[in-house]
Amino acid sequence: MDKSSYVYIMASEPYGTLYIGVTSDLVKRVWQHREGVVEGFTQLYGVKLLVWFEIHTEIVQAISREKRIKKWNRDWKVNLIQGMNPDWRDLYADIAAWFGFSLGPRLRGGDGKTKTGRSHRPTSRSCRASRRITASGRASRCRGGTARR
């Protein structure tokens, strides 16, 4: 195979929730995570920062590496990130430029905000469920407080 494959780690914030993935199109896949295009773990937990990646020549190697890293304990994953990116900088703009993509100022930020400036931090499933209960008029707990409608 002549197409590169990538193993990558994304984070919600420095030392936050981590997501490990594999892809053959790193820029596109990270954009999908950042914009919440595909529902799933990264959208639910606000995982938007590309903090580490590794290039492989064979997709089979990349998949094998991804599976090994997923089995690691958290400290090993954090050490892996810090070895490449000690400041936990968002590497998305760097890789996009490296691949020849130009990002407008609205897409450059690594601050977890959307193009409109709103935070992407989703509420938990239980919080969303309790909001439905709240909308029906019953009191519920959401993020440590009691909400009433």
Protein backbone atom coordinates (compact mmCIF):
# COMPACT_ATOMS: atom_id res chain seq x y z
CA MET A 1 0.00 0.00 0.00
CA ASP A 2 1.22 3.49 -0.75
CA LYS A 3 -1.36 5.46 1.25
CA SER A 4 -0.40 6.60 4.73
CA SER A 5 -2.49 5.70 7.74
CA TYR A 6 -2.63 7.51 11.06
CA VAL A 7 -3.20 6.64 14.69
CA TYR A 8 -4.29 9.70 16.63
CA ILE A 9 -5.32 10.83 20.09
CA MET A 10 -7.82 13.61 20.70
CA ALA A 11 -8.61 15.25 24.02
CA SER A 12 -11.43 17.36 25.44
CA GLU A 13 -8.85 19.60 27.18
CA PRO A 14 -5.33 19.14 28.54
CA TYR A 15 -5.43 16.00 30.71
CA GLY A 16 -9.14 15.63 29.87
CA THR A 17 -11.13 12.87 28.21
CA LEU A 18 -9.09 11.00 25.58
CA TYR A 19 -10.16 9.35 22.33
CA ILE A 20 -7.89 7.09 20.26
CA GLY A 21 -8.61 6.44 16.61
CA VAL A 22 -7.17 5.32 13.29
CA THR A 23 -7.78 6.77 9.82
CA SER A 24 -6.33 7.11 6.34
CA ASP A 25 -7.40 10.79 6.09
CA LEU A 26 -6.30 12.57 9.28
CA VAL A 27 -7.40 16.10 8.37
CA LYS A 28 -10.89 14.99 7.34
CA ARG A 29 -11.37 12.71 10.35
CA VAL A 30 -10.24 15.32 12.88
CA TRP A 31 -12.51 17.89 11.22
CA GLN A 32 -15.42 15.45 11.61
CA HIS A 33 -14.67 15.09 15.32
CA ARG A 34 -14.27 18.85 15.82
CA GLU A 35 -17.48 19.75 14.03
CA GLY A 36 -19.55 16.93 15.58
CA VAL A 37 -20.54 15.62 12.15
CA VAL A 38 -20.77 12.02 13.37
CA GLU A 39 -22.64 11.21 16.56
CA GLY A 40 -20.67 9.25 19.11
CA PHE A 41 -18.11 9.41 21.88
CA THR A 42 -16.23 12.52 20.73
CA GLN A 43 -19.42 14.51 20.23
CA LEU A 44 -20.89 13.38 23.56
CA TYR A 45 -17.77 14.24 25.57
CA GLY A 46 -16.61 17.34 23.65
CA VAL A 47 -13.37 15.75 22.44
CA LYS A 48 -12.10 18.27 19.89
CA LEU A 49 -8.33 18.74 20.29
CA LEU A 50 -5.86 16.70 18.24
CA VAL A 51 -3.00 16.23 20.71
CA TRP A 52 -0.98 13.34 19.22
CA PHE A 53 -0.68 11.37 15.99
CA GLU A 54 1.59 8.82 14.38
CA ILE A 55 2.06 7.95 10.69
CA HIS A 56 2.10 4.37 9.39
CA THR A 57 2.69 3.06 5.88
CA GLU A 58 0.25 0.16 6.27
CA ILE A 59 -3.30 0.38 7.63
CA VAL A 60 -2.86 -3.02 9.28
CA GLN A 61 0.06 -1.64 11.32
CA ALA A 62 -1.96 1.43 12.28
CA ILE A 63 -4.95 -0.64 13.41
CA SER A 64 -2.69 -2.91 15.46
CA ARG A 65 -1.02 0.11 17.12
CA GLU A 66 -4.41 1.70 17.86
CA LYS A 67 -5.62 -1.48 19.55
CA ARG A 68 -2.45 -1.71 21.65
CA ILE A 69 -2.67 1.93 22.78
CA LYS A 70 -6.35 1.54 23.69
CA LYS A 71 -5.34 -1.21 26.15
CA TRP A 72 -2.73 0.99 27.85
CA ASN A 73 -3.45 2.60 31.18
CA ARG A 74 -4.14 6.33 31.19
CA ASP A 75 -0.69 7.34 32.50
CA TRP A 76 1.04 5.69 29.55
CA LYS A 77 -1.26 7.52 27.12
CA VAL A 78 -0.59 10.85 28.84
CA ASN A 79 3.17 10.19 28.68
CA LEU A 80 2.88 9.37 24.97
CA ILE A 81 1.13 12.69 24.34
CA GLN A 82 3.58 14.67 26.45
CA GLY A 83 6.53 13.15 24.60
CA MET A 84 5.32 14.75 21.36
CA ASN A 85 3.20 17.63 22.63
CA PRO A 86 4.11 18.68 26.21
CA ASP A 87 1.83 21.75 26.09
CA TRP A 88 -1.17 19.74 24.80
CA ARG A 89 -1.48 22.17 21.87
CA ASP A 90 -4.20 21.49 19.31
CA LEU A 91 -2.27 20.16 16.30
CA TYR A 92 -5.17 20.44 13.85
CA ALA A 93 -4.06 23.71 12.22
CA ASP A 94 -0.51 22.34 11.90
CA ILE A 95 -1.55 19.14 10.14
CA ALA A 96 -4.07 20.96 7.93
CA ALA A 97 -1.30 23.34 6.79
CA TRP A 98 1.06 20.39 6.37
CA PHE A 99 -1.44 18.75 4.02
CA GLY A 100 -2.01 22.03 2.17
CA PHE A 101 -5.36 23.09 3.63
CA SER A 102 -5.99 26.72 4.50
CA LEU A 103 -8.11 27.24 7.59
CA GLY A 104 -10.10 30.40 8.00
CA PRO A 105 -9.92 32.20 11.36
CA ARG A 106 -13.26 30.68 12.41
CA LEU A 107 -11.89 27.13 12.15
CA ARG A 108 -8.42 27.67 13.63
CA GLY A 109 -9.20 27.84 17.33
CA GLY A 110 -8.33 25.02 19.65
CA ASP A 111 -10.47 26.42 22.42
CA GLY A 112 -13.32 23.92 22.07
CA LYS A 113 -15.64 26.51 20.53
CA THR A 114 -17.60 26.22 17.33
CA LYS A 115 -17.48 28.58 14.40
CA THR A 116 -20.14 30.65 16.11
CA GLY A 117 -18.20 30.83 19.38
CA ARG A 118 -20.55 28.56 21.36
CA SER A 119 -19.03 25.84 23.49
CA HIS A 120 -19.30 22.29 22.18
CA ARG A 121 -19.45 20.79 25.67
CA PRO A 122 -22.47 18.53 25.57
CA THR A 123 -24.42 17.64 28.63
CA SER A 124 -24.35 14.08 29.84
CA ARG A 125 -27.08 11.64 28.84
CA SER A 126 -28.51 11.64 32.36
CA CYS A 127 -28.57 15.44 32.35
CA ARG A 128 -30.38 15.48 29.02
CA ALA A 129 -32.85 12.94 30.34
CA SER A 130 -33.40 14.97 33.49
CA ARG A 131 -33.99 18.06 31.37
CA ARG A 132 -36.85 16.20 29.69
CA ILE A 133 -38.25 15.43 33.10
CA THR A 134 -37.77 19.06 34.10
CA ALA A 135 -39.68 20.19 31.03
CA SER A 136 -42.62 18.14 32.29
CA GLY A 137 -42.61 20.14 35.51
CA ARG A 138 -40.84 17.79 37.92
CA ALA A 139 -37.69 18.79 39.79
CA SER A 140 -34.48 17.05 38.76
CA ARG A 141 -30.78 17.16 39.49
CA CYS A 142 -28.50 18.26 36.69
CA ARG A 143 -24.78 19.00 37.17
CA GLY A 144 -25.04 19.02 40.93
CA GLY A 145 -27.93 21.45 41.26
CA THR A 146 -31.69 21.18 41.38
CA ALA A 147 -33.43 22.49 38.32
CA ARG A 148 -37.10 23.47 38.33
CA ARG A 149 -39.25 24.65 35.52
